Amino acid sequence: MMWTDVVDIAIELSEKYPDTDPRYVNFVDLRSWVLALEGFEDSPDRCGEKILEAIQMAWMDEMD
């Protein structure tokens, strides 16, 4: 997975952290969690606030 695979990342996060409300996850933790996902292969330097926000929004959609 790459940073641009927002929906795939959101699905993985919702499966790995089923009891976590993504609205309350700060971006520092979110970035760390994404980097730790199995199959994530993108550079940590390619991540910005807009990408993290998109991941968070997609994760919230997955929870609904």
PDB file of N, CA and C in Angstrom:
ATOM      1  N   MET A   1       0.842  -1.187   0.000  1.00  0.00           N
ATOM      2  CA  MET A   1       0.000   0.000   0.000  1.00  0.00           C
ATOM      3  C   MET A   1       0.877   1.236   0.000  1.00  0.00           C
ATOM      4  N   MET A   2       0.318   2.264  -0.581  1.00  0.00           N
ATOM      5  CA  MET A   2       0.978   3.564  -0.627  1.00  0.00           C
ATOM      6  C   MET A   2       0.064   4.566   0.093  1.00  0.00           C
ATOM      7  N   TRP A   3       0.590   5.758   0.364  1.00  0.00           N
ATOM      8  CA  TRP A   3      -0.206   6.785   1.040  1.00  0.00           C
ATOM      9  C   TRP A   3      -1.482   7.114   0.266  1.00  0.00           C
ATOM     10  N   THR A   4      -1.448   6.987  -1.046  1.00  0.00           N
ATOM     11  CA  THR A   4      -2.612   7.326  -1.857  1.00  0.00           C
ATOM     12  C   THR A   4      -3.701   6.259  -1.824  1.00  0.00           C
ATOM     13  N   ASP A   5      -3.424   5.114  -1.239  1.00  0.00           N
ATOM     14  CA  ASP A   5      -4.416   4.043  -1.110  1.00  0.00           C
ATOM     15  C   ASP A   5      -5.279   4.262   0.134  1.00  0.00           C
ATOM     16  N   VAL A   6      -5.919   5.410   0.154  1.00  0.00           N
ATOM     17  CA  VAL A   6      -6.635   5.888   1.336  1.00  0.00           C
ATOM     18  C   VAL A   6      -7.706   4.902   1.798  1.00  0.00           C
ATOM     19  N   VAL A   7      -8.514   4.402   0.879  1.00  0.00           N
ATOM     20  CA  VAL A   7      -9.607   3.499   1.259  1.00  0.00           C
ATOM     21  C   VAL A   7      -9.054   2.176   1.780  1.00  0.00           C
ATOM     22  N   ASP A   8      -8.043   1.635   1.114  1.00  0.00           N
ATOM     23  CA  ASP A   8      -7.439   0.384   1.584  1.00  0.00           C
ATOM     24  C   ASP A   8      -6.841   0.548   2.979  1.00  0.00           C
ATOM     25  N   ILE A   9      -6.190   1.677   3.209  1.00  0.00           N
ATOM     26  CA  ILE A   9      -5.614   1.961   4.523  1.00  0.00           C
ATOM     27  C   ILE A   9      -6.730   2.041   5.564  1.00  0.00           C
ATOM     28  N   ALA A  10      -7.818   2.731   5.221  1.00  0.00           N
ATOM     29  CA  ALA A  10      -8.939   2.875   6.152  1.00  0.00           C
ATOM     30  C   ALA A  10      -9.535   1.517   6.511  1.00  0.00           C
ATOM     31  N   ILE A  11      -9.657   0.652   5.538  1.00  0.00           N
ATOM     32  CA  ILE A  11     -10.193  -0.694   5.791  1.00  0.00           C
ATOM     33  C   ILE A  11      -9.270  -1.454   6.742  1.00  0.00           C
ATOM     34  N   GLU A  12      -7.974  -1.402   6.468  1.00  0.00           N
ATOM     35  CA  GLU A  12      -6.997  -2.084   7.333  1.00  0.00           C
ATOM     36  C   GLU A  12      -7.054  -1.537   8.756  1.00  0.00           C
ATOM     37  N   LEU A  13      -7.128  -0.225   8.899  1.00  0.00           N
ATOM     38  CA  LEU A  13      -7.180   0.378  10.235  1.00  0.00           C
ATOM     39  C   LEU A  13      -8.459  -0.006  10.967  1.00  0.00           C
ATOM     40  N   SER A  14      -9.581  -0.029  10.254  1.00  0.00           N
ATOM     41  CA  SER A  14     -10.846  -0.392  10.914  1.00  0.00           C
ATOM     42  C   SER A  14     -10.835  -1.845  11.376  1.00  0.00           C
ATOM     43  N   GLU A  15     -10.116  -2.697  10.649  1.00  0.00           N
ATOM     44  CA  GLU A  15     -10.003  -4.102  11.068  1.00  0.00           C
ATOM     45  C   GLU A  15      -9.010  -4.276  12.217  1.00  0.00           C
ATOM     46  N   LYS A  16      -7.934  -3.503  12.185  1.00  0.00           N
ATOM     47  CA  LYS A  16      -6.907  -3.640  13.222  1.00  0.00           C
ATOM     48  C   LYS A  16      -7.307  -2.958  14.535  1.00  0.00           C
ATOM     49  N   TYR A  17      -8.075  -1.871  14.433  1.00  0.00           N
ATOM     50  CA  TYR A  17      -8.492  -1.112  15.620  1.00  0.00           C
ATOM     51  C   TYR A  17     -10.017  -0.973  15.626  1.00  0.00           C
ATOM     52  N   PRO A  18     -10.746  -2.083  15.786  1.00  0.00           N
ATOM     53  CA  PRO A  18     -12.211  -2.039  15.665  1.00  0.00           C
ATOM     54  C   PRO A  18     -12.913  -1.226  16.749  1.00  0.00           C
ATOM     55  N   ASP A  19     -12.291  -1.058  17.886  1.00  0.00           N
ATOM     56  CA  ASP A  19     -12.929  -0.325  18.981  1.00  0.00           C
ATOM     57  C   ASP A  19     -12.469   1.129  19.065  1.00  0.00           C
ATOM     58  N   THR A  20     -11.745   1.594  18.057  1.00  0.00           N
ATOM     59  CA  THR A  20     -11.213   2.954  18.063  1.00  0.00           C
ATOM     60  C   THR A  20     -12.090   3.854  17.211  1.00  0.00           C
ATOM     61  N   ASP A  21     -12.456   5.003  17.768  1.00  0.00           N
ATOM     62  CA  ASP A  21     -13.209   6.002  17.011  1.00  0.00           C
ATOM     63  C   ASP A  21     -12.196   6.899  16.292  1.00  0.00           C
ATOM     64  N   PRO A  22     -12.157   6.847  14.962  1.00  0.00           N
ATOM     65  CA  PRO A  22     -11.143   7.593  14.227  1.00  0.00           C
ATOM     66  C   PRO A  22     -11.220   9.108  14.415  1.00  0.00           C
ATOM     67  N   ARG A  23     -12.363   9.611  14.873  1.00  0.00           N
ATOM     68  CA  ARG A  23     -12.485  11.060  15.104  1.00  0.00           C
ATOM     69  C   ARG A  23     -11.552  11.533  16.203  1.00  0.00           C
ATOM     70  N   TYR A  24     -11.161  10.630  17.079  1.00  0.00           N
ATOM     71  CA  TYR A  24     -10.352  11.016  18.232  1.00  0.00           C
ATOM     72  C   TYR A  24      -8.903  10.558  18.144  1.00  0.00           C
ATOM     73  N   VAL A  25      -8.486  10.109  16.964  1.00  0.00           N
ATOM     74  CA  VAL A  25      -7.099   9.685  16.760  1.00  0.00           C
ATOM     75  C   VAL A  25      -6.312  10.883  16.243  1.00  0.00           C
ATOM     76  N   ASN A  26      -5.253  11.243  16.953  1.00  0.00           N
ATOM     77  CA  ASN A  26      -4.448  12.375  16.479  1.00  0.00           C
ATOM     78  C   ASN A  26      -3.576  11.937  15.297  1.00  0.00           C
ATOM     79  N   PHE A  27      -3.128  12.908  14.529  1.00  0.00           N
ATOM     80  CA  PHE A  27      -2.401  12.597  13.302  1.00  0.00           C
ATOM     81  C   PHE A  27      -1.048  11.944  13.564  1.00  0.00           C
ATOM     82  N   VAL A  28      -0.435  12.216  14.694  1.00  0.00           N
ATOM     83  CA  VAL A  28       0.843  11.572  15.014  1.00  0.00           C
ATOM     84  C   VAL A  28       0.636  10.066  15.177  1.00  0.00           C
ATOM     85  N   ASP A  29      -0.394   9.695  15.931  1.00  0.00           N
ATOM     86  CA  ASP A  29      -0.703   8.277  16.115  1.00  0.00           C
ATOM     87  C   ASP A  29      -1.165   7.639  14.808  1.00  0.00           C
ATOM     88  N   LEU A  30      -2.015   8.342  14.071  1.00  0.00           N
ATOM     89  CA  LEU A  30      -2.526   7.811  12.813  1.00  0.00           C
ATOM     90  C   LEU A  30      -1.380   7.506  11.854  1.00  0.00           C
ATOM     91  N   ARG A  31      -0.442   8.412  11.734  1.00  0.00           N
ATOM     92  CA  ARG A  31       0.717   8.215  10.858  1.00  0.00           C
ATOM     93  C   ARG A  31       1.505   6.977  11.290  1.00  0.00           C
ATOM     94  N   SER A  32       1.736   6.844  12.589  1.00  0.00           N
ATOM     95  CA  SER A  32       2.474   5.682  13.109  1.00  0.00           C
ATOM     96  C   SER A  32       1.736   4.386  12.827  1.00  0.00           C
ATOM     97  N   TRP A  33       0.429   4.392  13.019  1.00  0.00           N
ATOM     98  CA  TRP A  33      -0.366   3.194  12.795  1.00  0.00           C
ATOM     99  C   TRP A  33      -0.335   2.785  11.332  1.00  0.00           C
ATOM    100  N   VAL A  34      -0.418   3.769  10.435  1.00  0.00           N
ATOM    101  CA  VAL A  34      -0.375   3.458   8.999  1.00  0.00           C
ATOM    102  C   VAL A  34       0.987   2.873   8.637  1.00  0.00           C
ATOM    103  N   LEU A  35       2.042   3.482   9.127  1.00  0.00           N
ATOM    104  CA  LEU A  35       3.387   2.989   8.825  1.00  0.00           C
ATOM    105  C   LEU A  35       3.594   1.567   9.321  1.00  0.00           C
ATOM    106  N   ALA A  36       2.889   1.184  10.381  1.00  0.00           N
ATOM    107  CA  ALA A  36       3.042  -0.145  10.965  1.00  0.00           C
ATOM    108  C   ALA A  36       2.159  -1.207  10.300  1.00  0.00           C
ATOM    109  N   LEU A  37       1.276  -0.789   9.399  1.00  0.00           N
ATOM    110  CA  LEU A  37       0.394  -1.760   8.745  1.00  0.00           C
ATOM    111  C   LEU A  37       1.193  -2.723   7.880  1.00  0.00           C
ATOM    112  N   GLU A  38       0.792  -3.987   7.939  1.00  0.00           N
ATOM    113  CA  GLU A  38       1.424  -4.987   7.090  1.00  0.00           C
ATOM    114  C   GLU A  38       1.090  -4.669   5.635  1.00  0.00           C
ATOM    115  N   GLY A  39       2.083  -4.652   4.802  1.00  0.00           N
ATOM    116  CA  GLY A  39       1.863  -4.364   3.391  1.00  0.00           C
ATOM    117  C   GLY A  39       2.019  -2.907   3.019  1.00  0.00           C
ATOM    118  N   PHE A  40       2.241  -2.047   4.027  1.00  0.00           N
ATOM    119  CA  PHE A  40       2.453  -0.628   3.718  1.00  0.00           C
ATOM    120  C   PHE A  40       3.914  -0.439   3.341  1.00  0.00           C
ATOM    121  N   GLU A  41       4.153   0.116   2.152  1.00  0.00           N
ATOM    122  CA  GLU A  41       5.513   0.178   1.628  1.00  0.00           C
ATOM    123  C   GLU A  41       5.957   1.570   1.178  1.00  0.00           C
ATOM    124  N   ASP A  42       5.180   2.599   1.452  1.00  0.00           N
ATOM    125  CA  ASP A  42       5.534   3.938   0.990  1.00  0.00           C
ATOM    126  C   ASP A  42       6.486   4.619   1.967  1.00  0.00           C
ATOM    127  N   SER A  43       7.099   5.671   1.514  1.00  0.00           N
ATOM    128  CA  SER A  43       8.051   6.423   2.332  1.00  0.00           C
ATOM    129  C   SER A  43       7.320   7.260   3.380  1.00  0.00           C
ATOM    130  N   PRO A  44       7.807   7.274   4.612  1.00  0.00           N
ATOM    131  CA  PRO A  44       7.197   8.119   5.641  1.00  0.00           C
ATOM    132  C   PRO A  44       7.226   9.595   5.269  1.00  0.00           C
ATOM    133  N   ASP A  45       8.182   9.988   4.464  1.00  0.00           N
ATOM    134  CA  ASP A  45       8.335  11.399   4.089  1.00  0.00           C
ATOM    135  C   ASP A  45       7.269  11.878   3.107  1.00  0.00           C
ATOM    136  N   ARG A  46       6.547  10.978   2.499  1.00  0.00           N
ATOM    137  CA  ARG A  46       5.546  11.352   1.499  1.00  0.00           C
ATOM    138  C   ARG A  46       4.187  11.645   2.111  1.00  0.00           C
ATOM    139  N   CYS A  47       4.099  11.623   3.412  1.00  0.00           N
ATOM    140  CA  CYS A  47       2.827  11.827   4.103  1.00  0.00           C
ATOM    141  C   CYS A  47       2.702  13.278   4.569  1.00  0.00           C
ATOM    142  N   GLY A  48       1.510  13.825   4.387  1.00  0.00           N
ATOM    143  CA  GLY A  48       1.215  15.163   4.878  1.00  0.00           C
ATOM    144  C   GLY A  48      -0.131  15.185   5.569  1.00  0.00           C
ATOM    145  N   GLU A  49      -0.475  16.341   6.084  1.00  0.00           N
ATOM    146  CA  GLU A  49      -1.719  16.483   6.839  1.00  0.00           C
ATOM    147  C   GLU A  49      -2.943  16.173   5.977  1.00  0.00           C
ATOM    148  N   LYS A  50      -2.922  16.553   4.709  1.00  0.00           N
ATOM    149  CA  LYS A  50      -4.079  16.293   3.839  1.00  0.00           C
ATOM    150  C   LYS A  50      -4.298  14.803   3.627  1.00  0.00           C
ATOM    151  N   ILE A  51      -3.234  14.050   3.494  1.00  0.00           N
ATOM    152  CA  ILE A  51      -3.365  12.602   3.329  1.00  0.00           C
ATOM    153  C   ILE A  51      -3.914  11.976   4.604  1.00  0.00           C
ATOM    154  N   LEU A  52      -3.390  12.395   5.742  1.00  0.00           N
ATOM    155  CA  LEU A  52      -3.878  11.848   7.016  1.00  0.00           C
ATOM    156  C   LEU A  52      -5.351  12.188   7.224  1.00  0.00           C
ATOM    157  N   GLU A  53      -5.725  13.393   6.842  1.00  0.00           N
ATOM    158  CA  GLU A  53      -7.128  13.793   6.959  1.00  0.00           C
ATOM    159  C   GLU A  53      -8.013  12.930   6.057  1.00  0.00           C
ATOM    160  N   ALA A  54      -7.556  12.660   4.850  1.00  0.00           N
ATOM    161  CA  ALA A  54      -8.317  11.805   3.927  1.00  0.00           C
ATOM    162  C   ALA A  54      -8.450  10.393   4.474  1.00  0.00           C
ATOM    163  N   ILE A  55      -7.376   9.877   5.069  1.00  0.00           N
ATOM    164  CA  ILE A  55      -7.425   8.542   5.675  1.00  0.00           C
ATOM    165  C   ILE A  55      -8.419   8.528   6.830  1.00  0.00           C
ATOM    166  N   GLN A  56      -8.367   9.545   7.658  1.00  0.00           N
ATOM    167  CA  GLN A  56      -9.281   9.633   8.795  1.00  0.00           C
ATOM    168  C   GLN A  56     -10.735   9.690   8.326  1.00  0.00           C
ATOM    169  N   MET A  57     -11.011  10.464   7.292  1.00  0.00           N
ATOM    170  CA  MET A  57     -12.375  10.567   6.767  1.00  0.00           C
ATOM    171  C   MET A  57     -12.838   9.225   6.185  1.00  0.00           C
ATOM    172  N   ALA A  58     -11.958   8.561   5.454  1.00  0.00           N
ATOM    173  CA  ALA A  58     -12.305   7.262   4.883  1.00  0.00           C
ATOM    174  C   ALA A  58     -12.540   6.231   5.991  1.00  0.00           C
ATOM    175  N   TRP A  59     -11.755   6.314   7.044  1.00  0.00           N
ATOM    176  CA  TRP A  59     -11.923   5.403   8.179  1.00  0.00           C
ATOM    177  C   TRP A  59     -13.285   5.637   8.839  1.00  0.00           C
ATOM    178  N   MET A  60     -13.668   6.897   8.981  1.00  0.00           N
ATOM    179  CA  MET A  60     -14.981   7.202   9.559  1.00  0.00           C
ATOM    180  C   MET A  60     -16.099   6.647   8.672  1.00  0.00           C
ATOM    181  N   ASP A  61     -15.926   6.730   7.360  1.00  0.00           N
ATOM    182  CA  ASP A  61     -16.912   6.155   6.439  1.00  0.00           C
ATOM    183  C   ASP A  61     -16.991   4.639   6.618  1.00  0.00           C
ATOM    184  N   GLU A  62     -15.853   4.004   6.828  1.00  0.00           N
ATOM    185  CA  GLU A  62     -15.837   2.547   7.046  1.00  0.00           C
ATOM    186  C   GLU A  62     -16.573   2.165   8.320  1.00  0.00           C
ATOM    187  N   MET A  63     -16.503   3.013   9.325  1.00  0.00           N
ATOM    188  CA  MET A  63     -17.156   2.718  10.602  1.00  0.00           C
ATOM    189  C   MET A  63     -18.671   2.829  10.508  1.00  0.00           C
ATOM    190  N   ASP A  64     -19.163   3.598   9.555  1.00  0.00           N
ATOM    191  CA  ASP A  64     -20.616   3.797   9.408  1.00  0.00           C
ATOM    192  C   ASP A  64     -21.306   2.682   8.745  1.00  0.00           C
TER     193      ASP A  64
END
